[in-house]
């Protein structure tokens, strides 16, 4: 008989970022209007944020179609305390009526991110201040992902299984609030290590895995695998990154399926 839902995350080529994670779930079939409204509500929960507009667009990357989130933000900050983001996610999960599993996912994702950043800076999590990750963008990605998983019926680990293929992390160096950093960045490396996620360098010389994207992935507590698990495929979604990448489609892929389990009604 057909049993648990299976979600396979495929970041082998274009890596993973928070907006790509949400876009892929939307392309998989999550309710765009509901998720968009939840993401835009973040403007009311993060201080010094004036505008958040989320505009989903269907695009192509290397001639393959996917969904891209054009996100416009107006905010003013240099750094933000991690506690502000923790409180924003926790409060939004309540106010937006996230299910218990979806709320747990959202809170787990932001805690994973804050703890990774705290480890980088050698500060307690409650005292860490964030640069790029301090943007309201982090909050809206996490809430959007939780709402999208709930919309698809994929937020509950009791009824869903999660797998991830090796994560492309890029290479070389990239600019940050701390100057040039090597890919994968320190926070990403902490998350990969703490959660035993398999990754590989390349295929491009740039940052290809962001702290928010990897935090969302880690919050699912997926099984890392080199190849797809056995499943009956039901749907596929593609989330686009910004712009084209030379030689590869700048797309994150999710495959939704079901597993086949043996059933013996007579118990013998």
Foldseek 3Di string as FASTA:
>chain_A
DWAFKEKEWEQAAQFWDLQQLLQQLVQQPFDPVLLQVLLFCLQVQAPQWDGWHWDWDWDFAVNHIAIETDIDTGGDDQKAQLVSLLVSLLVSCVVSVQDPLLSLLLNQLSVLLLVLQCVVVVHPSRGDIGGPCRDSVLNSSSSSNSSSCVRVVNSDPVRYAYEYEAGEFEFDWDQDPVGIATTPGSSLVSLCVVLVEHYDYDPHHDGRYDSSGSSSVSSSSHHYDNDDDDFAWDGKHWGADPDYDPPDGNIIMMTMGIDDDDDDPVPD
